[in-house]
Full PDB file with SEQRES, HELIX, SHEET, SSBOND, CRYST1, ORIGX, SCALE, CONECT and MASTER records, all heavy atoms in Angstrom:
SEQRES   1 A   30  SER SER SER GLY GLY SER THR LYS TYR ALA ASP SER VAL          
SEQRES   2 A   30  LYS GLY ARG PHE THR ILE SER ARG ASP ASN ALA LYS ASN          
SEQRES   3 A   30  THR VAL TYR ARG                                              
HELIX    1 AA1 ASP A   11  VAL A   13  5                                   3    
HELIX    2 AA2 ASN A   23  LYS A   25  5                                   3    
SHEET    1 AA1 2 SER A  20  ASP A  22  0                                        
SHEET    2 AA1 2 THR A  27  TYR A  29 -1                                        
CRYST1    1.000    1.000    1.000  90.00  90.00  90.00 P 1           1          
ORIGX1      1.000000  0.000000  0.000000        0.00000                         
ORIGX2      0.000000  1.000000  0.000000        0.00000                         
ORIGX3      0.000000  0.000000  1.000000        0.00000                         
SCALE1      1.000000  0.000000  0.000000        0.00000                         
SCALE2      0.000000  1.000000  0.000000        0.00000                         
SCALE3      0.000000  0.000000  1.000000        0.00000                         
ATOM      1  N   SER A   1       0.835  -1.193  -0.023  1.00  0.00           N  
ATOM      2  CA  SER A   1      -0.031  -0.009   0.013  1.00  0.00           C  
ATOM      3  C   SER A   1       0.831   1.274  -0.019  1.00  0.00           C  
ATOM      4  O   SER A   1       2.078   1.186   0.273  1.00  0.00           O  
ATOM      5  CB  SER A   1      -0.908  -0.051   1.225  1.00  0.00           C  
ATOM      6  OG  SER A   1      -0.156   0.047   2.369  1.00  0.00           O  
ATOM      7  N   SER A   2       0.235   2.392  -0.238  1.00  0.00           N  
ATOM      8  CA  SER A   2       1.036   3.659  -0.346  1.00  0.00           C  
ATOM      9  C   SER A   2       1.630   3.981   1.024  1.00  0.00           C  
ATOM     10  O   SER A   2       2.756   4.533   1.055  1.00  0.00           O  
ATOM     11  CB  SER A   2       0.122   4.826  -0.772  1.00  0.00           C  
ATOM     12  OG  SER A   2      -1.003   4.916   0.095  1.00  0.00           O  
ATOM     13  N   SER A   3       0.978   3.590   2.137  1.00  0.00           N  
ATOM     14  CA  SER A   3       1.579   3.866   3.434  1.00  0.00           C  
ATOM     15  C   SER A   3       2.623   2.889   3.814  1.00  0.00           C  
ATOM     16  O   SER A   3       3.417   3.114   4.702  1.00  0.00           O  
ATOM     17  CB  SER A   3       0.443   3.812   4.449  1.00  0.00           C  
ATOM     18  OG  SER A   3      -0.003   2.432   4.675  1.00  0.00           O  
ATOM     19  N   GLY A   4       2.675   1.781   3.106  1.00  0.00           N  
ATOM     20  CA  GLY A   4       3.620   0.707   3.485  1.00  0.00           C  
ATOM     21  C   GLY A   4       3.143  -0.172   4.562  1.00  0.00           C  
ATOM     22  O   GLY A   4       3.785  -1.216   4.894  1.00  0.00           O  
ATOM     23  N   GLY A   5       1.935   0.132   5.096  1.00  0.00           N  
ATOM     24  CA  GLY A   5       1.492  -0.684   6.252  1.00  0.00           C  
ATOM     25  C   GLY A   5       0.749  -1.871   5.900  1.00  0.00           C  
ATOM     26  O   GLY A   5       0.464  -2.741   6.789  1.00  0.00           O  
ATOM     27  N   SER A   6       0.439  -2.100   4.600  1.00  0.00           N  
ATOM     28  CA  SER A   6      -0.299  -3.255   4.159  1.00  0.00           C  
ATOM     29  C   SER A   6       0.370  -3.882   2.970  1.00  0.00           C  
ATOM     30  O   SER A   6       0.801  -3.242   2.051  1.00  0.00           O  
ATOM     31  CB  SER A   6      -1.742  -2.898   3.829  1.00  0.00           C  
ATOM     32  OG  SER A   6      -2.391  -4.028   3.321  1.00  0.00           O  
ATOM     33  N   THR A   7       0.608  -5.255   3.021  1.00  0.00           N  
ATOM     34  CA  THR A   7       1.215  -5.927   1.921  1.00  0.00           C  
ATOM     35  C   THR A   7       0.352  -7.173   1.620  1.00  0.00           C  
ATOM     36  O   THR A   7      -0.455  -7.660   2.496  1.00  0.00           O  
ATOM     37  CB  THR A   7       2.615  -6.344   2.244  1.00  0.00           C  
ATOM     38  OG1 THR A   7       2.630  -7.176   3.415  1.00  0.00           O  
ATOM     39  CG2 THR A   7       3.560  -5.157   2.455  1.00  0.00           C  
ATOM     40  N   LYS A   8       0.457  -7.671   0.436  1.00  0.00           N  
ATOM     41  CA  LYS A   8      -0.168  -8.908   0.054  1.00  0.00           C  
ATOM     42  C   LYS A   8       0.797  -9.732  -0.758  1.00  0.00           C  
ATOM     43  O   LYS A   8       1.629  -9.169  -1.485  1.00  0.00           O  
ATOM     44  CB  LYS A   8      -1.411  -8.658  -0.772  1.00  0.00           C  
ATOM     45  CG  LYS A   8      -2.565  -8.076  -0.002  1.00  0.00           C  
ATOM     46  CD  LYS A   8      -3.780  -7.877  -0.936  1.00  0.00           C  
ATOM     47  CE  LYS A   8      -4.969  -7.267  -0.174  1.00  0.00           C  
ATOM     48  NZ  LYS A   8      -6.130  -7.013  -1.044  1.00  0.00           N  
ATOM     49  N   TYR A   9       0.686 -11.027  -0.674  1.00  0.00           N  
ATOM     50  CA  TYR A   9       1.555 -11.993  -1.377  1.00  0.00           C  
ATOM     51  C   TYR A   9       0.744 -13.095  -2.010  1.00  0.00           C  
ATOM     52  O   TYR A   9      -0.221 -13.610  -1.374  1.00  0.00           O  
ATOM     53  CB  TYR A   9       2.653 -12.521  -0.426  1.00  0.00           C  
ATOM     54  CG  TYR A   9       3.558 -11.498   0.121  1.00  0.00           C  
ATOM     55  CD1 TYR A   9       3.294 -10.925   1.304  1.00  0.00           C  
ATOM     56  CD2 TYR A   9       4.716 -11.204  -0.572  1.00  0.00           C  
ATOM     57  CE1 TYR A   9       4.142  -9.964   1.885  1.00  0.00           C  
ATOM     58  CE2 TYR A   9       5.609 -10.250  -0.042  1.00  0.00           C  
ATOM     59  CZ  TYR A   9       5.308  -9.617   1.175  1.00  0.00           C  
ATOM     60  OH  TYR A   9       6.189  -8.693   1.667  1.00  0.00           O  
ATOM     61  N   ALA A  10       1.125 -13.523  -3.153  1.00  0.00           N  
ATOM     62  CA  ALA A  10       0.611 -14.731  -3.730  1.00  0.00           C  
ATOM     63  C   ALA A  10       1.046 -15.948  -2.878  1.00  0.00           C  
ATOM     64  O   ALA A  10       2.142 -15.926  -2.311  1.00  0.00           O  
ATOM     65  CB  ALA A  10       1.062 -14.935  -5.185  1.00  0.00           C  
ATOM     66  N   ASP A  11       0.216 -16.971  -2.850  1.00  0.00           N  
ATOM     67  CA  ASP A  11       0.578 -18.146  -2.010  1.00  0.00           C  
ATOM     68  C   ASP A  11       1.914 -18.730  -2.411  1.00  0.00           C  
ATOM     69  O   ASP A  11       2.614 -19.264  -1.569  1.00  0.00           O  
ATOM     70  CB  ASP A  11      -0.538 -19.177  -2.091  1.00  0.00           C  
ATOM     71  CG  ASP A  11      -1.823 -18.756  -1.445  1.00  0.00           C  
ATOM     72  OD1 ASP A  11      -1.751 -17.836  -0.575  1.00  0.00           O  
ATOM     73  OD2 ASP A  11      -2.889 -19.333  -1.717  1.00  0.00           O  
ATOM     74  N   SER A  12       2.225 -18.677  -3.673  1.00  0.00           N  
ATOM     75  CA  SER A  12       3.450 -19.286  -4.199  1.00  0.00           C  
ATOM     76  C   SER A  12       4.723 -18.647  -3.654  1.00  0.00           C  
ATOM     77  O   SER A  12       5.809 -19.287  -3.731  1.00  0.00           O  
ATOM     78  CB  SER A  12       3.412 -19.329  -5.719  1.00  0.00           C  
ATOM     79  OG  SER A  12       3.413 -17.919  -6.159  1.00  0.00           O  
ATOM     80  N   VAL A  13       4.653 -17.415  -3.125  1.00  0.00           N  
ATOM     81  CA  VAL A  13       5.863 -16.748  -2.742  1.00  0.00           C  
ATOM     82  C   VAL A  13       5.861 -16.353  -1.201  1.00  0.00           C  
ATOM     83  O   VAL A  13       6.792 -15.827  -0.717  1.00  0.00           O  
ATOM     84  CB  VAL A  13       6.087 -15.485  -3.552  1.00  0.00           C  
ATOM     85  CG1 VAL A  13       6.158 -15.804  -4.985  1.00  0.00           C  
ATOM     86  CG2 VAL A  13       5.037 -14.405  -3.254  1.00  0.00           C  
ATOM     87  N   LYS A  14       4.793 -16.655  -0.524  1.00  0.00           N  
ATOM     88  CA  LYS A  14       4.658 -16.294   0.929  1.00  0.00           C  
ATOM     89  C   LYS A  14       5.817 -16.974   1.623  1.00  0.00           C  
ATOM     90  O   LYS A  14       6.079 -18.177   1.441  1.00  0.00           O  
ATOM     91  CB  LYS A  14       3.302 -16.759   1.467  1.00  0.00           C  
ATOM     92  CG  LYS A  14       2.167 -15.861   1.131  1.00  0.00           C  
ATOM     93  CD  LYS A  14       0.850 -16.371   1.728  1.00  0.00           C  
ATOM     94  CE  LYS A  14      -0.305 -15.411   1.360  1.00  0.00           C  
ATOM     95  NZ  LYS A  14      -1.597 -15.916   1.895  1.00  0.00           N  
ATOM     96  N   GLY A  15       6.436 -16.198   2.534  1.00  0.00           N  
ATOM     97  CA  GLY A  15       7.530 -16.676   3.297  1.00  0.00           C  
ATOM     98  C   GLY A  15       8.868 -16.679   2.525  1.00  0.00           C  
ATOM     99  O   GLY A  15       9.935 -16.836   3.233  1.00  0.00           O  
ATOM    100  N   ARG A  16       8.826 -16.372   1.301  1.00  0.00           N  
ATOM    101  CA  ARG A  16      10.110 -16.305   0.533  1.00  0.00           C  
ATOM    102  C   ARG A  16      10.385 -14.946  -0.032  1.00  0.00           C  
ATOM    103  O   ARG A  16      11.527 -14.535  -0.118  1.00  0.00           O  
ATOM    104  CB  ARG A  16      10.067 -17.341  -0.663  1.00  0.00           C  
ATOM    105  CG  ARG A  16       9.930 -18.751  -0.238  1.00  0.00           C  
ATOM    106  CD  ARG A  16      10.094 -19.684  -1.371  1.00  0.00           C  
ATOM    107  NE  ARG A  16       9.145 -19.493  -2.461  1.00  0.00           N  
ATOM    108  CZ  ARG A  16       9.459 -19.227  -3.663  1.00  0.00           C  
ATOM    109  NH1 ARG A  16      10.717 -19.057  -4.088  1.00  0.00           N  
ATOM    110  NH2 ARG A  16       8.522 -19.006  -4.599  1.00  0.00           N  
ATOM    111  N   PHE A  17       9.401 -14.264  -0.379  1.00  0.00           N  
ATOM    112  CA  PHE A  17       9.517 -12.901  -0.988  1.00  0.00           C  
ATOM    113  C   PHE A  17       9.066 -11.858  -0.012  1.00  0.00           C  
ATOM    114  O   PHE A  17       8.091 -12.095   0.764  1.00  0.00           O  
ATOM    115  CB  PHE A  17       8.677 -12.754  -2.277  1.00  0.00           C  
ATOM    116  CG  PHE A  17       9.182 -13.593  -3.454  1.00  0.00           C  
ATOM    117  CD1 PHE A  17      10.179 -14.528  -3.310  1.00  0.00           C  
ATOM    118  CD2 PHE A  17       8.598 -13.413  -4.692  1.00  0.00           C  
ATOM    119  CE1 PHE A  17      10.601 -15.262  -4.353  1.00  0.00           C  
ATOM    120  CE2 PHE A  17       9.023 -14.135  -5.749  1.00  0.00           C  
ATOM    121  CZ  PHE A  17      10.047 -15.062  -5.616  1.00  0.00           C  
ATOM    122  N   THR A  18       9.706 -10.738   0.034  1.00  0.00           N  
ATOM    123  CA  THR A  18       9.300  -9.621   0.884  1.00  0.00           C  
ATOM    124  C   THR A  18       9.276  -8.337   0.079  1.00  0.00           C  
ATOM    125  O   THR A  18      10.292  -7.999  -0.543  1.00  0.00           O  
ATOM    126  CB  THR A  18      10.265  -9.437   2.089  1.00  0.00           C  
ATOM    127  OG1 THR A  18      10.293 -10.670   2.805  1.00  0.00           O  
ATOM    128  CG2 THR A  18       9.777  -8.362   2.993  1.00  0.00           C  
ATOM    129  N   ILE A  19       8.202  -7.567   0.176  1.00  0.00           N  
ATOM    130  CA  ILE A  19       8.097  -6.285  -0.524  1.00  0.00           C  
ATOM    131  C   ILE A  19       8.308  -5.148   0.491  1.00  0.00           C  
ATOM    132  O   ILE A  19       7.793  -5.273   1.564  1.00  0.00           O  
ATOM    133  CB  ILE A  19       6.756  -6.177  -1.340  1.00  0.00           C  
ATOM    134  CG1 ILE A  19       6.736  -4.921  -2.249  1.00  0.00           C  
ATOM    135  CG2 ILE A  19       5.572  -6.221  -0.388  1.00  0.00           C  
ATOM    136  CD1 ILE A  19       5.560  -4.886  -3.168  1.00  0.00           C  
ATOM    137  N   SER A  20       8.971  -4.135   0.057  1.00  0.00           N  
ATOM    138  CA  SER A  20       9.170  -2.933   0.982  1.00  0.00           C  
ATOM    139  C   SER A  20       9.289  -1.755   0.076  1.00  0.00           C  
ATOM    140  O   SER A  20       9.488  -1.806  -1.128  1.00  0.00           O  
ATOM    141  CB  SER A  20      10.419  -3.205   1.826  1.00  0.00           C  
ATOM    142  OG  SER A  20      11.546  -3.255   1.053  1.00  0.00           O  
ATOM    143  N   ARG A  21       9.223  -0.602   0.758  1.00  0.00           N  
ATOM    144  CA  ARG A  21       9.371   0.640   0.013  1.00  0.00           C  
ATOM    145  C   ARG A  21      10.159   1.666   0.764  1.00  0.00           C  
ATOM    146  O   ARG A  21      10.195   1.649   2.046  1.00  0.00           O  
ATOM    147  CB  ARG A  21       7.980   1.217  -0.331  1.00  0.00           C  
ATOM    148  CG  ARG A  21       7.096   1.610   0.838  1.00  0.00           C  
ATOM    149  CD  ARG A  21       5.690   1.922   0.439  1.00  0.00           C  
ATOM    150  NE  ARG A  21       5.675   2.952  -0.566  1.00  0.00           N  
ATOM    151  CZ  ARG A  21       4.687   3.101  -1.542  1.00  0.00           C  
ATOM    152  NH1 ARG A  21       3.709   2.211  -1.625  1.00  0.00           N  
ATOM    153  NH2 ARG A  21       4.709   4.100  -2.353  1.00  0.00           N  
ATOM    154  N   ASP A  22      10.918   2.517   0.049  1.00  0.00           N  
ATOM    155  CA  ASP A  22      11.697   3.600   0.625  1.00  0.00           C  
ATOM    156  C   ASP A  22      11.230   4.761  -0.157  1.00  0.00           C  
ATOM    157  O   ASP A  22      11.741   5.097  -1.244  1.00  0.00           O  
ATOM    158  CB  ASP A  22      13.178   3.302   0.457  1.00  0.00           C  
ATOM    159  CG  ASP A  22      14.073   4.339   1.094  1.00  0.00           C  
ATOM    160  OD1 ASP A  22      13.529   5.427   1.429  1.00  0.00           O  
ATOM    161  OD2 ASP A  22      15.229   4.092   1.294  1.00  0.00           O  
ATOM    162  N   ASN A  23      10.251   5.534   0.375  1.00  0.00           N  
ATOM    163  CA  ASN A  23       9.739   6.684  -0.315  1.00  0.00           C  
ATOM    164  C   ASN A  23      10.784   7.839  -0.473  1.00  0.00           C  
ATOM    165  O   ASN A  23      10.734   8.573  -1.386  1.00  0.00           O  
ATOM    166  CB  ASN A  23       8.533   7.218   0.446  1.00  0.00           C  
ATOM    167  CG  ASN A  23       7.288   6.274   0.228  1.00  0.00           C  
ATOM    168  OD1 ASN A  23       7.259   5.430  -0.654  1.00  0.00           O  
ATOM    169  ND2 ASN A  23       6.246   6.533   1.060  1.00  0.00           N  
ATOM    170  N   ALA A  24      11.743   7.860   0.422  1.00  0.00           N  
ATOM    171  CA  ALA A  24      12.788   8.884   0.318  1.00  0.00           C  
ATOM    172  C   ALA A  24      13.638   8.655  -0.911  1.00  0.00           C  
ATOM    173  O   ALA A  24      14.125   9.556  -1.538  1.00  0.00           O  
ATOM    174  CB  ALA A  24      13.658   8.850   1.583  1.00  0.00           C  
ATOM    175  N   LYS A  25      13.736   7.370  -1.323  1.00  0.00           N  
ATOM    176  CA  LYS A  25      14.466   7.013  -2.548  1.00  0.00           C  
ATOM    177  C   LYS A  25      13.565   6.810  -3.719  1.00  0.00           C  
ATOM    178  O   LYS A  25      14.022   6.403  -4.815  1.00  0.00           O  
ATOM    179  CB  LYS A  25      15.281   5.788  -2.333  1.00  0.00           C  
ATOM    180  CG  LYS A  25      16.411   5.943  -1.268  1.00  0.00           C  
ATOM    181  CD  LYS A  25      17.272   4.685  -1.214  1.00  0.00           C  
ATOM    182  CE  LYS A  25      18.432   4.925  -0.204  1.00  0.00           C  
ATOM    183  NZ  LYS A  25      19.291   3.719  -0.043  1.00  0.00           N  
ATOM    184  N   ASN A  26      12.241   7.047  -3.467  1.00  0.00           N  
ATOM    185  CA  ASN A  26      11.237   6.826  -4.556  1.00  0.00           C  
ATOM    186  C   ASN A  26      11.351   5.460  -5.206  1.00  0.00           C  
ATOM    187  O   ASN A  26      11.242   5.330  -6.428  1.00  0.00           O  
ATOM    188  CB  ASN A  26      11.373   7.928  -5.690  1.00  0.00           C  
ATOM    189  CG  ASN A  26      10.087   8.456  -6.118  1.00  0.00           C  
ATOM    190  OD1 ASN A  26       9.090   8.460  -5.378  1.00  0.00           O  
ATOM    191  ND2 ASN A  26      10.077   8.981  -7.358  1.00  0.00           N  
ATOM    192  N   THR A  27      11.566   4.417  -4.366  1.00  0.00           N  
ATOM    193  CA  THR A  27      11.825   3.112  -4.847  1.00  0.00           C  
ATOM    194  C   THR A  27      11.095   2.071  -4.002  1.00  0.00           C  
ATOM    195  O   THR A  27      10.936   2.229  -2.774  1.00  0.00           O  
ATOM    196  CB  THR A  27      13.337   2.769  -4.839  1.00  0.00           C  
ATOM    197  OG1 THR A  27      14.037   3.736  -5.643  1.00  0.00           O  
ATOM    198  CG2 THR A  27      13.644   1.398  -5.379  1.00  0.00           C  
ATOM    199  N   VAL A  28      10.594   1.006  -4.679  1.00  0.00           N  
ATOM    200  CA  VAL A  28      10.085  -0.186  -4.008  1.00  0.00           C  
ATOM    201  C   VAL A  28      10.965  -1.348  -4.309  1.00  0.00           C  
ATOM    202  O   VAL A  28      11.460  -1.469  -5.414  1.00  0.00           O  
ATOM    203  CB  VAL A  28       8.612  -0.380  -4.516  1.00  0.00           C  
ATOM    204  CG1 VAL A  28       8.083  -1.736  -4.018  1.00  0.00           C  
ATOM    205  CG2 VAL A  28       7.696   0.735  -4.061  1.00  0.00           C  
ATOM    206  N   TYR A  29      11.086  -2.147  -3.350  1.00  0.00           N  
ATOM    207  CA  TYR A  29      11.987  -3.254  -3.440  1.00  0.00           C  
ATOM    208  C   TYR A  29      11.258  -4.597  -3.319  1.00  0.00           C  
ATOM    209  O   TYR A  29      10.210  -4.688  -2.683  1.00  0.00           O  
ATOM    210  CB  TYR A  29      13.110  -3.294  -2.411  1.00  0.00           C  
ATOM    211  CG  TYR A  29      13.923  -1.997  -2.409  1.00  0.00           C  
ATOM    212  CD1 TYR A  29      13.672  -0.925  -1.500  1.00  0.00           C  
ATOM    213  CD2 TYR A  29      15.000  -1.873  -3.328  1.00  0.00           C  
ATOM    214  CE1 TYR A  29      14.417   0.167  -1.545  1.00  0.00           C  
ATOM    215  CE2 TYR A  29      15.720  -0.727  -3.332  1.00  0.00           C  
ATOM    216  CZ  TYR A  29      15.449   0.301  -2.450  1.00  0.00           C  
ATOM    217  OH  TYR A  29      16.234   1.461  -2.496  1.00  0.00           O  
ATOM    218  N   ARG A  30      11.791  -5.611  -3.827  1.00  0.00           N  
ATOM    219  CA  ARG A  30      11.291  -6.985  -3.545  1.00  0.00           C  
ATOM    220  C   ARG A  30      12.443  -7.928  -3.340  1.00  0.00           C  
ATOM    221  O   ARG A  30      13.213  -8.208  -4.288  1.00  0.00           O  
ATOM    222  CB  ARG A  30      10.370  -7.501  -4.631  1.00  0.00           C  
ATOM    223  CG  ARG A  30       9.573  -8.768  -4.131  1.00  0.00           C  
ATOM    224  CD  ARG A  30       8.667  -9.241  -5.147  1.00  0.00           C  
ATOM    225  NE  ARG A  30       9.336  -9.904  -6.193  1.00  0.00           N  
ATOM    226  CZ  ARG A  30       8.886 -10.134  -7.407  1.00  0.00           C  
ATOM    227  NH1 ARG A  30       7.644  -9.818  -7.642  1.00  0.00           N  
ATOM    228  NH2 ARG A  30       9.567 -10.819  -8.267  1.00  0.00           N  
TER     229      ARG A  30                                                      
MASTER        0    0    0    2    2    0    0    6  228    1    0    3          
END                                                                             
């Protein structure tokens, strides 16, 4: 989400992939 407070994952990647964001760098990571 835009706030970073909510995330969702497909079942196939849960526990393995992590999404995050750094708004100061205008970048989202996975």
